[in-house]
Amino acid sequence: MALTTGLRNLITDVEGLRVGNASDATIKSGSTVILCDVPATAAVQVLGGAPGTRETDLLEPHNTVDAINALVLSGGSAFGLDAASGVQAALREKGIGFDVGGQRIPIVPAAILFDMLNGGDKDWGLHPPYRELGYAAVQSASRDFPLGTVGAGTGATVAGLKGGLGSASSQLENGSTIGALVAVNALGSVTVGRSVHFWAAPFEIGDEFGGLGLPHPLPADTAEVRTKFNDAAREANTTIGVIATDLILTKAQAKRLAISAHDGFARAIWPSHTPFDGDLVFALATGASGRTPEIAEFIDLCAAAASTMARAVARGVHAATPAEHDPFPVWASRA
């Protein structure tokens, strides 16, 4: 299965999606919204031990709502769930939402990461700013958007390095597209040992995150388990992401796609899915291609979900930029 990147190498190469970001440099946090031009089939899979979520139960295949209007990834721990309310407000202004007796209810599931101990000033007063950040993220939504220290990735960290917002896309041989978006804030490490080489290197296309490949020979500390335990609060973690395709999928197939995308976390972050991570993947199927995959095509799609997500993880850390009072350096400072 040969893969190439989409035109932008972003999740928005999947037709029908736009992404908006809003950041607050003072608190070192932010929110990211993924908008669906038309309601999209969605599912979710949580494999981390410390998730923070909103409206994820409705995404289970046996529940009623078949499609959603937007997804939110946000910093701010539990406070960040307010970002979904801001997104709902913005969509309601536009008359977008699930029609219930003439009332429009925007369906906006959300997930958050913990970035409360990253050097930002969290003394925001009575009300946290995430509702406003969610609203602002909708206003900035576009098919083109930056990576790294932006949106939900603004205050993210990984073991020994600053994290960030990453994205990637792949074109499959059958003409379909798959894309990933991820806010990388993991307990574990994204690099091999203490080198600058990314665990995701075998899946890199071109030099999208440095083109360094894997180190040869492998460093002596390759097997060392590196986490933030000794450098930051063990609860200060979570990698949250979205995997999307333009194929027509059922909710059950979308859930299987989300499960497969978690393999991308495991290939790009070591260790991943720990008791102190809230690792979560949403899946979206826009159906814009008008095609339903055959079983062999769906297997290829799930494999591409893992590799595309792994690339997005590395790209988020690769693109991070420094700010005052950062607890960790950026990857570029070590390259």
C-alpha atoms as a PDB file:
ATOM      1  CA  MET A   1       0.000   0.000   0.000  1.00  0.00           C
ATOM      2  CA  ALA A   2       1.763   3.128  -1.251  1.00  0.00           C
ATOM      3  CA  LEU A   3       0.783   6.389   0.420  1.00  0.00           C
ATOM      4  CA  THR A   4       1.363   9.979  -0.573  1.00  0.00           C
ATOM      5  CA  THR A   5       0.426  13.128   1.322  1.00  0.00           C
ATOM      6  CA  GLY A   6      -2.547  15.255   0.413  1.00  0.00           C
ATOM      7  CA  LEU A   7      -2.119  18.731  -1.030  1.00  0.00           C
ATOM      8  CA  ARG A   8      -1.823  20.422   2.376  1.00  0.00           C
ATOM      9  CA  ASN A   9      -0.649  17.410   4.404  1.00  0.00           C
ATOM     10  CA  LEU A  10      -3.364  18.385   6.890  1.00  0.00           C
ATOM     11  CA  ILE A  11      -6.594  16.782   8.071  1.00  0.00           C
ATOM     12  CA  THR A  12      -8.422  19.334   5.923  1.00  0.00           C
ATOM     13  CA  ASP A  13      -7.320  17.429   2.828  1.00  0.00           C
ATOM     14  CA  VAL A  14     -10.388  15.369   3.750  1.00  0.00           C
ATOM     15  CA  GLU A  15     -13.176  17.127   1.877  1.00  0.00           C
ATOM     16  CA  GLY A  16     -15.776  18.714   4.124  1.00  0.00           C
ATOM     17  CA  LEU A  17     -13.594  19.695   7.088  1.00  0.00           C
ATOM     18  CA  ARG A  18     -12.157  22.960   8.377  1.00  0.00           C
ATOM     19  CA  VAL A  19      -9.997  23.623  11.445  1.00  0.00           C
ATOM     20  CA  GLY A  20      -9.862  26.706  13.653  1.00  0.00           C
ATOM     21  CA  ASN A  21      -7.537  27.568  16.520  1.00  0.00           C
ATOM     22  CA  ALA A  22      -7.556  30.099  19.331  1.00  0.00           C
ATOM     23  CA  SER A  23      -4.695  30.552  21.794  1.00  0.00           C
ATOM     24  CA  ASP A  24      -3.948  32.571  24.919  1.00  0.00           C
ATOM     25  CA  ALA A  25      -0.225  33.207  25.365  1.00  0.00           C
ATOM     26  CA  THR A  26      -0.640  34.402  28.956  1.00  0.00           C
ATOM     27  CA  ILE A  27      -2.219  31.210  30.237  1.00  0.00           C
ATOM     28  CA  LYS A  28      -0.264  29.064  27.713  1.00  0.00           C
ATOM     29  CA  SER A  29      -3.323  27.208  26.558  1.00  0.00           C
ATOM     30  CA  GLY A  30      -5.861  27.164  23.766  1.00  0.00           C
ATOM     31  CA  SER A  31      -8.612  25.364  21.890  1.00  0.00           C
ATOM     32  CA  THR A  32      -8.996  23.744  18.479  1.00  0.00           C
ATOM     33  CA  VAL A  33     -12.238  23.091  16.603  1.00  0.00           C
ATOM     34  CA  ILE A  34     -12.852  20.739  13.674  1.00  0.00           C
ATOM     35  CA  LEU A  35     -15.916  21.901  11.751  1.00  0.00           C
ATOM     36  CA  CYS A  36     -17.933  19.626   9.471  1.00  0.00           C
ATOM     37  CA  ASP A  37     -19.381  21.433   6.437  1.00  0.00           C
ATOM     38  CA  VAL A  38     -22.245  18.930   6.587  1.00  0.00           C
ATOM     39  CA  PRO A  39     -22.945  16.624   9.556  1.00  0.00           C
ATOM     40  CA  ALA A  40     -20.451  13.747   9.599  1.00  0.00           C
ATOM     41  CA  THR A  41     -20.577  10.228  10.988  1.00  0.00           C
ATOM     42  CA  ALA A  42     -18.478  10.056  14.141  1.00  0.00           C
ATOM     43  CA  ALA A  43     -17.186   7.665  16.780  1.00  0.00           C
ATOM     44  CA  VAL A  44     -14.659   7.656  19.606  1.00  0.00           C
ATOM     45  CA  GLN A  45     -12.241   5.314  21.330  1.00  0.00           C
ATOM     46  CA  VAL A  46     -10.668   6.072  24.726  1.00  0.00           C
ATOM     47  CA  LEU A  47      -7.624   4.021  25.749  1.00  0.00           C
ATOM     48  CA  GLY A  48      -5.940   6.308  28.277  1.00  0.00           C
ATOM     49  CA  GLY A  49      -6.631   5.978  31.981  1.00  0.00           C
ATOM     50  CA  ALA A  50      -7.399   9.645  32.701  1.00  0.00           C
ATOM     51  CA  PRO A  51      -9.736  11.060  30.021  1.00  0.00           C
ATOM     52  CA  GLY A  52     -11.752  14.278  30.132  1.00  0.00           C
ATOM     53  CA  THR A  53     -14.656  14.365  27.690  1.00  0.00           C
ATOM     54  CA  ARG A  54     -18.036  15.810  26.742  1.00  0.00           C
ATOM     55  CA  GLU A  55     -20.831  14.150  24.717  1.00  0.00           C
ATOM     56  CA  THR A  56     -18.829  11.051  23.867  1.00  0.00           C
ATOM     57  CA  ASP A  57     -21.545   8.554  24.871  1.00  0.00           C
ATOM     58  CA  LEU A  58     -23.738   9.640  21.962  1.00  0.00           C
ATOM     59  CA  LEU A  59     -21.011   8.518  19.549  1.00  0.00           C
ATOM     60  CA  GLU A  60     -21.406   4.849  20.442  1.00  0.00           C
ATOM     61  CA  PRO A  61     -22.835   2.867  17.492  1.00  0.00           C
ATOM     62  CA  HIS A  62     -25.969   1.834  19.413  1.00  0.00           C
ATOM     63  CA  ASN A  63     -26.984   5.418  20.277  1.00  0.00           C
ATOM     64  CA  THR A  64     -29.371   7.637  18.322  1.00  0.00           C
ATOM     65  CA  VAL A  65     -27.481  10.589  16.849  1.00  0.00           C
ATOM     66  CA  ASP A  66     -25.781   9.468  13.629  1.00  0.00           C
ATOM     67  CA  ALA A  67     -23.797  12.595  12.769  1.00  0.00           C
ATOM     68  CA  ILE A  68     -22.149  15.579  14.447  1.00  0.00           C
ATOM     69  CA  ASN A  69     -21.427  19.198  13.553  1.00  0.00           C
ATOM     70  CA  ALA A  70     -18.008  19.743  15.132  1.00  0.00           C
ATOM     71  CA  LEU A  71     -15.358  18.358  17.458  1.00  0.00           C
ATOM     72  CA  VAL A  72     -13.311  20.232  20.052  1.00  0.00           C
ATOM     73  CA  LEU A  73      -9.807  19.529  21.350  1.00  0.00           C
ATOM     74  CA  SER A  74      -8.800  21.842  24.170  1.00  0.00           C
ATOM     75  CA  GLY A  75      -6.252  22.545  26.830  1.00  0.00           C
ATOM     76  CA  GLY A  76      -7.320  23.585  30.299  1.00  0.00           C
ATOM     77  CA  SER A  77      -8.092  20.223  31.889  1.00  0.00           C
ATOM     78  CA  ALA A  78     -11.769  20.053  32.950  1.00  0.00           C
ATOM     79  CA  PHE A  79     -12.056  23.843  32.545  1.00  0.00           C
ATOM     80  CA  GLY A  80     -11.359  23.390  28.836  1.00  0.00           C
ATOM     81  CA  LEU A  81     -14.627  21.543  28.287  1.00  0.00           C
ATOM     82  CA  ASP A  82     -16.221  25.012  28.264  1.00  0.00           C
ATOM     83  CA  ALA A  83     -14.718  25.471  24.779  1.00  0.00           C
ATOM     84  CA  ALA A  84     -17.457  23.252  23.351  1.00  0.00           C
ATOM     85  CA  SER A  85     -20.078  25.676  24.692  1.00  0.00           C
ATOM     86  CA  GLY A  86     -18.405  28.495  22.782  1.00  0.00           C
ATOM     87  CA  VAL A  87     -18.393  26.402  19.621  1.00  0.00           C
ATOM     88  CA  GLN A  88     -22.073  25.576  20.135  1.00  0.00           C
ATOM     89  CA  ALA A  89     -22.884  29.278  20.524  1.00  0.00           C
ATOM     90  CA  ALA A  90     -21.084  30.128  17.284  1.00  0.00           C
ATOM     91  CA  LEU A  91     -22.800  27.337  15.354  1.00  0.00           C
ATOM     92  CA  ARG A  92     -26.226  28.214  16.756  1.00  0.00           C
ATOM     93  CA  GLU A  93     -25.731  31.770  15.457  1.00  0.00           C
ATOM     94  CA  LYS A  94     -25.288  30.237  12.019  1.00  0.00           C
ATOM     95  CA  GLY A  95     -28.421  28.072  12.331  1.00  0.00           C
ATOM     96  CA  ILE A  96     -26.360  24.866  12.454  1.00  0.00           C
ATOM     97  CA  GLY A  97     -27.399  21.893  14.568  1.00  0.00           C
ATOM     98  CA  PHE A  98     -29.539  18.814  15.079  1.00  0.00           C
ATOM     99  CA  ASP A  99     -33.175  19.722  14.424  1.00  0.00           C
ATOM    100  CA  VAL A 100     -35.446  18.905  17.365  1.00  0.00           C
ATOM    101  CA  GLY A 101     -38.948  20.294  16.888  1.00  0.00           C
ATOM    102  CA  GLY A 102     -37.650  23.403  15.167  1.00  0.00           C
ATOM    103  CA  GLN A 103     -34.835  23.962  17.669  1.00  0.00           C
ATOM    104  CA  ARG A 104     -31.257  23.650  16.427  1.00  0.00           C
ATOM    105  CA  ILE A 105     -28.906  21.855  18.824  1.00  0.00           C
ATOM    106  CA  PRO A 106     -25.274  21.827  17.611  1.00  0.00           C
ATOM    107  CA  ILE A 107     -23.706  18.434  18.373  1.00  0.00           C
ATOM    108  CA  VAL A 108     -20.156  19.122  19.553  1.00  0.00           C
ATOM    109  CA  PRO A 109     -18.295  16.356  21.400  1.00  0.00           C
ATOM    110  CA  ALA A 110     -15.060  17.453  23.079  1.00  0.00           C
ATOM    111  CA  ALA A 111     -11.910  16.189  24.783  1.00  0.00           C
ATOM    112  CA  ILE A 112      -9.361  18.002  26.918  1.00  0.00           C
ATOM    113  CA  LEU A 113      -5.718  17.706  27.933  1.00  0.00           C
ATOM    114  CA  PHE A 114      -3.956  18.808  31.119  1.00  0.00           C
ATOM    115  CA  ASP A 115      -1.699  21.858  30.579  1.00  0.00           C
ATOM    116  CA  MET A 116      -2.162  23.570  33.950  1.00  0.00           C
ATOM    117  CA  LEU A 117       1.482  23.265  35.088  1.00  0.00           C
ATOM    118  CA  ASN A 118       3.329  24.538  32.018  1.00  0.00           C
ATOM    119  CA  GLY A 119       4.501  27.981  33.182  1.00  0.00           C
ATOM    120  CA  GLY A 120       1.372  29.876  32.111  1.00  0.00           C
ATOM    121  CA  ASP A 121      -0.573  32.194  34.408  1.00  0.00           C
ATOM    122  CA  LYS A 122      -3.796  30.340  35.231  1.00  0.00           C
ATOM    123  CA  ASP A 123      -5.126  33.075  37.561  1.00  0.00           C
ATOM    124  CA  TRP A 124      -7.958  33.932  35.163  1.00  0.00           C
ATOM    125  CA  GLY A 125     -10.493  35.037  37.760  1.00  0.00           C
ATOM    126  CA  LEU A 126     -14.031  33.749  38.203  1.00  0.00           C
ATOM    127  CA  HIS A 127     -14.606  32.335  34.715  1.00  0.00           C
ATOM    128  CA  PRO A 128     -12.037  30.399  32.667  1.00  0.00           C
ATOM    129  CA  PRO A 129     -11.546  31.733  29.116  1.00  0.00           C
ATOM    130  CA  TYR A 130     -12.278  28.550  27.203  1.00  0.00           C
ATOM    131  CA  ARG A 131     -15.839  29.388  26.141  1.00  0.00           C
ATOM    132  CA  GLU A 132     -14.479  32.492  24.419  1.00  0.00           C
ATOM    133  CA  LEU A 133     -11.570  30.530  22.958  1.00  0.00           C
ATOM    134  CA  GLY A 134     -13.985  27.987  21.478  1.00  0.00           C
ATOM    135  CA  TYR A 135     -16.105  30.755  19.963  1.00  0.00           C
ATOM    136  CA  ALA A 136     -13.001  32.448  18.519  1.00  0.00           C
ATOM    137  CA  ALA A 137     -11.717  29.168  17.084  1.00  0.00           C
ATOM    138  CA  VAL A 138     -14.878  28.826  14.983  1.00  0.00           C
ATOM    139  CA  GLN A 139     -14.347  32.309  13.523  1.00  0.00           C
ATOM    140  CA  SER A 140     -10.822  31.379  12.391  1.00  0.00           C
ATOM    141  CA  ALA A 141     -11.753  28.030  10.822  1.00  0.00           C
ATOM    142  CA  SER A 142     -10.103  27.358   7.471  1.00  0.00           C
ATOM    143  CA  ARG A 143      -8.665  24.548   5.394  1.00  0.00           C
ATOM    144  CA  ASP A 144      -5.207  25.986   6.072  1.00  0.00           C
ATOM    145  CA  PHE A 145      -3.926  26.277   9.639  1.00  0.00           C
ATOM    146  CA  PRO A 146      -0.581  26.275  11.481  1.00  0.00           C
ATOM    147  CA  LEU A 147       0.955  23.458  13.515  1.00  0.00           C
ATOM    148  CA  GLY A 148       2.945  23.374  16.739  1.00  0.00           C
ATOM    149  CA  THR A 149       2.343  25.908  19.497  1.00  0.00           C
ATOM    150  CA  VAL A 150      -1.216  26.800  18.591  1.00  0.00           C
ATOM    151  CA  GLY A 151      -4.765  25.929  19.667  1.00  0.00           C
ATOM    152  CA  ALA A 152      -5.008  22.881  21.892  1.00  0.00           C
ATOM    153  CA  GLY A 153      -1.261  22.357  21.428  1.00  0.00           C
ATOM    154  CA  THR A 154      -0.284  25.790  22.826  1.00  0.00           C
ATOM    155  CA  GLY A 155       0.798  24.531  26.234  1.00  0.00           C
ATOM    156  CA  ALA A 156       1.370  20.860  25.478  1.00  0.00           C
ATOM    157  CA  THR A 157       4.464  18.942  26.583  1.00  0.00           C
ATOM    158  CA  VAL A 158       5.946  15.463  26.228  1.00  0.00           C
ATOM    159  CA  ALA A 159       8.826  13.808  28.081  1.00  0.00           C
ATOM    160  CA  GLY A 160      11.726  16.258  27.854  1.00  0.00           C
ATOM    161  CA  LEU A 161      10.269  18.386  25.054  1.00  0.00           C
ATOM    162  CA  LYS A 162       7.510  20.837  24.267  1.00  0.00           C
ATOM    163  CA  GLY A 163       4.522  19.211  22.550  1.00  0.00           C
ATOM    164  CA  GLY A 164       2.142  20.760  20.068  1.00  0.00           C
ATOM    165  CA  LEU A 165      -0.688  20.478  17.563  1.00  0.00           C
ATOM    166  CA  GLY A 166       0.090  18.136  14.687  1.00  0.00           C
ATOM    167  CA  SER A 167      -1.651  17.073  11.498  1.00  0.00           C
ATOM    168  CA  ALA A 168      -0.996  14.910   8.452  1.00  0.00           C
ATOM    169  CA  SER A 169      -2.876  13.365   5.538  1.00  0.00           C
ATOM    170  CA  SER A 170      -2.534  10.389   3.211  1.00  0.00           C
ATOM    171  CA  GLN A 171      -3.897   9.607  -0.221  1.00  0.00           C
ATOM    172  CA  LEU A 172      -4.694   5.926  -0.677  1.00  0.00           C
ATOM    173  CA  GLU A 173      -4.333   4.023  -3.934  1.00  0.00           C
ATOM    174  CA  ASN A 174      -8.119   3.897  -4.376  1.00  0.00           C
ATOM    175  CA  GLY A 175      -8.243   7.703  -4.403  1.00  0.00           C
ATOM    176  CA  SER A 176      -9.680   8.142  -0.911  1.00  0.00           C
ATOM    177  CA  THR A 177      -8.145  10.461   1.684  1.00  0.00           C
ATOM    178  CA  ILE A 178      -7.427  10.026   5.370  1.00  0.00           C
ATOM    179  CA  GLY A 179      -6.249  12.775   7.706  1.00  0.00           C
ATOM    180  CA  ALA A 180      -5.198  13.120  11.332  1.00  0.00           C
ATOM    181  CA  LEU A 181      -5.184  15.980  13.816  1.00  0.00           C
ATOM    182  CA  VAL A 182      -3.644  15.591  17.281  1.00  0.00           C
ATOM    183  CA  ALA A 183      -2.743  17.630  20.352  1.00  0.00           C
ATOM    184  CA  VAL A 184       0.386  15.938  21.715  1.00  0.00           C
ATOM    185  CA  ASN A 185       0.730  16.215  25.495  1.00  0.00           C
ATOM    186  CA  ALA A 186       1.953  12.734  26.377  1.00  0.00           C
ATOM    187  CA  LEU A 187       3.490  11.343  29.540  1.00  0.00           C
ATOM    188  CA  GLY A 188       5.903   9.412  27.331  1.00  0.00           C
ATOM    189  CA  SER A 189       8.565  10.318  24.790  1.00  0.00           C
ATOM    190  CA  VAL A 190       8.221  10.881  21.041  1.00  0.00           C
ATOM    191  CA  THR A 191      11.942  10.413  20.344  1.00  0.00           C
ATOM    192  CA  VAL A 192      14.183   7.340  20.448  1.00  0.00           C
ATOM    193  CA  GLY A 193      16.100   7.415  23.715  1.00  0.00           C
ATOM    194  CA  ARG A 194      17.512  10.908  24.183  1.00  0.00           C
ATOM    195  CA  SER A 195      18.165  11.355  20.464  1.00  0.00           C
ATOM    196  CA  VAL A 196      16.388  13.751  18.089  1.00  0.00           C
ATOM    197  CA  HIS A 197      15.044  10.856  16.012  1.00  0.00           C
ATOM    198  CA  PHE A 198      11.275  10.370  16.133  1.00  0.00           C
ATOM    199  CA  TRP A 199       9.737   6.997  16.927  1.00  0.00           C
ATOM    200  CA  ALA A 200       7.393   7.704  13.989  1.00  0.00           C
ATOM    201  CA  ALA A 201      10.321   7.827  11.521  1.00  0.00           C
ATOM    202  CA  PRO A 202       9.433   4.625   9.597  1.00  0.00           C
ATOM    203  CA  PHE A 203       6.191   6.283   8.436  1.00  0.00           C
ATOM    204  CA  GLU A 204       7.623   9.692   7.492  1.00  0.00           C
ATOM    205  CA  ILE A 205       6.849  10.895   3.973  1.00  0.00           C
ATOM    206  CA  GLY A 206       9.647  13.073   2.618  1.00  0.00           C
ATOM    207  CA  ASP A 207      11.147  15.251   5.327  1.00  0.00           C
ATOM    208  CA  GLU A 208       7.881  16.323   6.979  1.00  0.00           C
ATOM    209  CA  PHE A 209       9.423  16.136  10.451  1.00  0.00           C
ATOM    210  CA  GLY A 210      13.116  16.463   9.748  1.00  0.00           C
ATOM    211  CA  GLY A 211      13.841  13.514   7.483  1.00  0.00           C
ATOM    212  CA  LEU A 212      16.293  12.006   9.979  1.00  0.00           C
ATOM    213  CA  GLY A 213      14.992   8.439   9.923  1.00  0.00           C
ATOM    214  CA  LEU A 214      15.841   6.126  12.790  1.00  0.00           C
ATOM    215  CA  PRO A 215      19.273   6.347  14.431  1.00  0.00           C
ATOM    216  CA  HIS A 216      21.891   3.802  13.350  1.00  0.00           C
ATOM    217  CA  PRO A 217      23.099   2.139  15.378  1.00  0.00           C
ATOM    218  CA  LEU A 218      20.296   2.470  17.898  1.00  0.00           C
ATOM    219  CA  PRO A 219      21.448   4.405  20.968  1.00  0.00           C
ATOM    220  CA  ALA A 220      22.252   2.529  24.160  1.00  0.00           C
ATOM    221  CA  ASP A 221      19.324   4.180  25.948  1.00  0.00           C
ATOM    222  CA  THR A 222      16.717   3.094  23.362  1.00  0.00           C
ATOM    223  CA  ALA A 223      15.011   0.775  25.844  1.00  0.00           C
ATOM    224  CA  GLU A 224      14.948   3.395  28.613  1.00  0.00           C
ATOM    225  CA  VAL A 225      11.384   4.296  29.558  1.00  0.00           C
ATOM    226  CA  ARG A 226      11.348   8.096  29.541  1.00  0.00           C
ATOM    227  CA  THR A 227       8.351   9.901  31.032  1.00  0.00           C
ATOM    228  CA  LYS A 228       7.519  13.210  32.704  1.00  0.00           C
ATOM    229  CA  PHE A 229       7.389  11.546  36.147  1.00  0.00           C
ATOM    230  CA  ASN A 230      10.650  13.137  37.241  1.00  0.00           C
ATOM    231  CA  ASP A 231      10.081  16.493  35.549  1.00  0.00           C
ATOM    232  CA  ALA A 232       6.400  17.355  35.983  1.00  0.00           C
ATOM    233  CA  ALA A 233       3.231  16.248  37.717  1.00  0.00           C
ATOM    234  CA  ARG A 234       2.366  12.743  36.577  1.00  0.00           C
ATOM    235  CA  GLU A 235      -1.228  13.797  35.902  1.00  0.00           C
ATOM    236  CA  ALA A 236      -0.127  16.517  33.423  1.00  0.00           C
ATOM    237  CA  ASN A 237      -0.750  14.496  30.281  1.00  0.00           C
ATOM    238  CA  THR A 238      -3.062  13.348  27.492  1.00  0.00           C
ATOM    239  CA  THR A 239      -2.846  12.953  23.740  1.00  0.00           C
ATOM    240  CA  ILE A 240      -6.154  13.681  22.006  1.00  0.00           C
ATOM    241  CA  GLY A 241      -6.752  13.391  18.299  1.00  0.00           C
ATOM    242  CA  VAL A 242      -9.087  13.040  15.335  1.00  0.00           C
ATOM    243  CA  ILE A 243      -8.821  10.648  12.405  1.00  0.00           C
ATOM    244  CA  ALA A 244     -10.981  11.475   9.381  1.00  0.00           C
ATOM    245  CA  THR A 245     -11.806  10.080   5.958  1.00  0.00           C
ATOM    246  CA  ASP A 246     -13.888  11.123   2.959  1.00  0.00           C
ATOM    247  CA  LEU A 247     -15.329   7.606   2.622  1.00  0.00           C
ATOM    248  CA  ILE A 248     -18.847   6.624   3.684  1.00  0.00           C
ATOM    249  CA  LEU A 249     -18.668   4.681   6.962  1.00  0.00           C
ATOM    250  CA  THR A 250     -21.157   3.415   9.505  1.00  0.00           C
ATOM    251  CA  LYS A 251     -20.731   4.460  13.140  1.00  0.00           C
ATOM    252  CA  ALA A 252     -19.386   0.963  13.873  1.00  0.00           C
ATOM    253  CA  GLN A 253     -16.799   1.267  11.102  1.00  0.00           C
ATOM    254  CA  ALA A 254     -15.869   4.740  12.350  1.00  0.00           C
ATOM    255  CA  LYS A 255     -15.252   3.303  15.814  1.00  0.00           C
ATOM    256  CA  ARG A 256     -13.000   0.633  14.327  1.00  0.00           C
ATOM    257  CA  LEU A 257     -11.117   3.408  12.529  1.00  0.00           C
ATOM    258  CA  ALA A 258     -10.632   5.261  15.838  1.00  0.00           C
ATOM    259  CA  ILE A 259      -9.300   2.058  17.420  1.00  0.00           C
ATOM    260  CA  SER A 260      -6.818   1.640  14.573  1.00  0.00           C
ATOM    261  CA  ALA A 261      -5.628   5.234  14.870  1.00  0.00           C
ATOM    262  CA  HIS A 262      -4.593   4.510  18.459  1.00  0.00           C
ATOM    263  CA  ASP A 263      -1.921   2.249  16.949  1.00  0.00           C
ATOM    264  CA  GLY A 264      -0.420   5.478  15.621  1.00  0.00           C
ATOM    265  CA  PHE A 265      -0.080   6.737  19.196  1.00  0.00           C
ATOM    266  CA  ALA A 266       1.698   3.508  20.110  1.00  0.00           C
ATOM    267  CA  ARG A 267       4.095   3.816  17.156  1.00  0.00           C
ATOM    268  CA  ALA A 268       4.915   7.472  17.839  1.00  0.00           C
ATOM    269  CA  ILE A 269       4.874   7.722  21.664  1.00  0.00           C
ATOM    270  CA  TRP A 270       6.546   5.365  24.115  1.00  0.00           C
ATOM    271  CA  PRO A 271       4.961   4.557  26.475  1.00  0.00           C
ATOM    272  CA  SER A 272       1.421   5.511  25.473  1.00  0.00           C
ATOM    273  CA  HIS A 273      -2.048   4.761  26.893  1.00  0.00           C
ATOM    274  CA  THR A 274      -0.778   4.920  30.463  1.00  0.00           C
ATOM    275  CA  PRO A 275      -2.967   5.291  33.573  1.00  0.00           C
ATOM    276  CA  PHE A 276      -1.922   8.962  33.681  1.00  0.00           C
ATOM    277  CA  ASP A 277      -2.767   9.749  30.031  1.00  0.00           C
ATOM    278  CA  GLY A 278      -6.294  10.460  28.789  1.00  0.00           C
ATOM    279  CA  ASP A 279      -5.507   9.162  25.308  1.00  0.00           C
ATOM    280  CA  LEU A 280      -8.514   9.479  23.005  1.00  0.00           C
ATOM    281  CA  VAL A 281      -9.212   9.395  19.269  1.00  0.00           C
ATOM    282  CA  PHE A 282     -12.351  10.683  17.574  1.00  0.00           C
ATOM    283  CA  ALA A 283     -13.150   9.359  14.094  1.00  0.00           C
ATOM    284  CA  LEU A 284     -15.002  11.294  11.389  1.00  0.00           C
ATOM    285  CA  ALA A 285     -16.360  10.079   8.039  1.00  0.00           C
ATOM    286  CA  THR A 286     -17.559  12.934   5.843  1.00  0.00           C
ATOM    287  CA  GLY A 287     -18.702  10.695   2.967  1.00  0.00           C
ATOM    288  CA  ALA A 288     -17.631  13.401   0.512  1.00  0.00           C
ATOM    289  CA  SER A 289     -16.088  10.854  -1.865  1.00  0.00           C
ATOM    290  CA  GLY A 290     -19.470   9.168  -2.317  1.00  0.00           C
ATOM    291  CA  ARG A 291     -17.789   5.760  -1.946  1.00  0.00           C
ATOM    292  CA  THR A 292     -18.290   2.933   0.546  1.00  0.00           C
ATOM    293  CA  PRO A 293     -15.099   0.875   1.027  1.00  0.00           C
ATOM    294  CA  GLU A 294     -14.858  -2.820   0.279  1.00  0.00           C
ATOM    295  CA  ILE A 295     -13.489  -4.923   3.149  1.00  0.00           C
ATOM    296  CA  ALA A 296      -9.946  -5.005   1.736  1.00  0.00           C
ATOM    297  CA  GLU A 297     -10.061  -1.228   1.265  1.00  0.00           C
ATOM    298  CA  PHE A 298     -11.244  -0.788   4.845  1.00  0.00           C
ATOM    299  CA  ILE A 299      -8.279  -2.808   6.128  1.00  0.00           C
ATOM    300  CA  ASP A 300      -5.940  -0.545   4.145  1.00  0.00           C
ATOM    301  CA  LEU A 301      -7.787   2.491   5.539  1.00  0.00           C
ATOM    302  CA  CYS A 302      -7.241   1.294   9.113  1.00  0.00           C
ATOM    303  CA  ALA A 303      -3.541   0.723   8.461  1.00  0.00           C
ATOM    304  CA  ALA A 304      -3.273   4.217   6.978  1.00  0.00           C
ATOM    305  CA  ALA A 305      -5.050   5.596  10.052  1.00  0.00           C
ATOM    306  CA  ALA A 306      -2.217   4.348  12.254  1.00  0.00           C
ATOM    307  CA  SER A 307       0.623   5.613  10.069  1.00  0.00           C
ATOM    308  CA  THR A 308      -1.024   8.980   9.420  1.00  0.00           C
ATOM    309  CA  MET A 309      -1.670   9.530  13.128  1.00  0.00           C
ATOM    310  CA  ALA A 310       1.940   8.623  13.964  1.00  0.00           C
ATOM    311  CA  ARG A 311       3.172  11.203  11.459  1.00  0.00           C
ATOM    312  CA  ALA A 312       0.823  13.846  12.882  1.00  0.00           C
ATOM    313  CA  VAL A 313       2.209  13.249  16.389  1.00  0.00           C
ATOM    314  CA  ALA A 314       5.780  13.809  15.222  1.00  0.00           C
ATOM    315  CA  ARG A 315       4.829  16.869  13.173  1.00  0.00           C
ATOM    316  CA  GLY A 316       3.192  18.507  16.195  1.00  0.00           C
ATOM    317  CA  VAL A 317       6.342  18.227  18.307  1.00  0.00           C
ATOM    318  CA  HIS A 318       8.599  19.081  15.358  1.00  0.00           C
ATOM    319  CA  ALA A 319       6.714  22.369  14.776  1.00  0.00           C
ATOM    320  CA  ALA A 320       6.630  23.588  18.409  1.00  0.00           C
ATOM    321  CA  THR A 321       8.063  27.052  19.077  1.00  0.00           C
ATOM    322  CA  PRO A 322       9.538  28.404  22.350  1.00  0.00           C
ATOM    323  CA  ALA A 323       7.874  30.800  24.775  1.00  0.00           C
ATOM    324  CA  GLU A 324       8.882  32.383  28.062  1.00  0.00           C
ATOM    325  CA  HIS A 325       8.787  30.103  31.124  1.00  0.00           C
ATOM    326  CA  ASP A 326       8.486  26.900  29.085  1.00  0.00           C
ATOM    327  CA  PRO A 327       9.196  23.850  31.287  1.00  0.00           C
ATOM    328  CA  PHE A 328      10.870  22.008  28.387  1.00  0.00           C
ATOM    329  CA  PRO A 329      12.841  23.000  25.257  1.00  0.00           C
ATOM    330  CA  VAL A 330      11.451  22.652  21.742  1.00  0.00           C
ATOM    331  CA  TRP A 331      12.623  19.850  19.433  1.00  0.00           C
ATOM    332  CA  ALA A 332      14.316  22.342  17.067  1.00  0.00           C
ATOM    333  CA  SER A 333      16.697  23.419  19.818  1.00  0.00           C
ATOM    334  CA  ARG A 334      18.152  19.892  19.925  1.00  0.00           C
ATOM    335  CA  ALA A 335      18.257  19.190  16.195  1.00  0.00           C
END
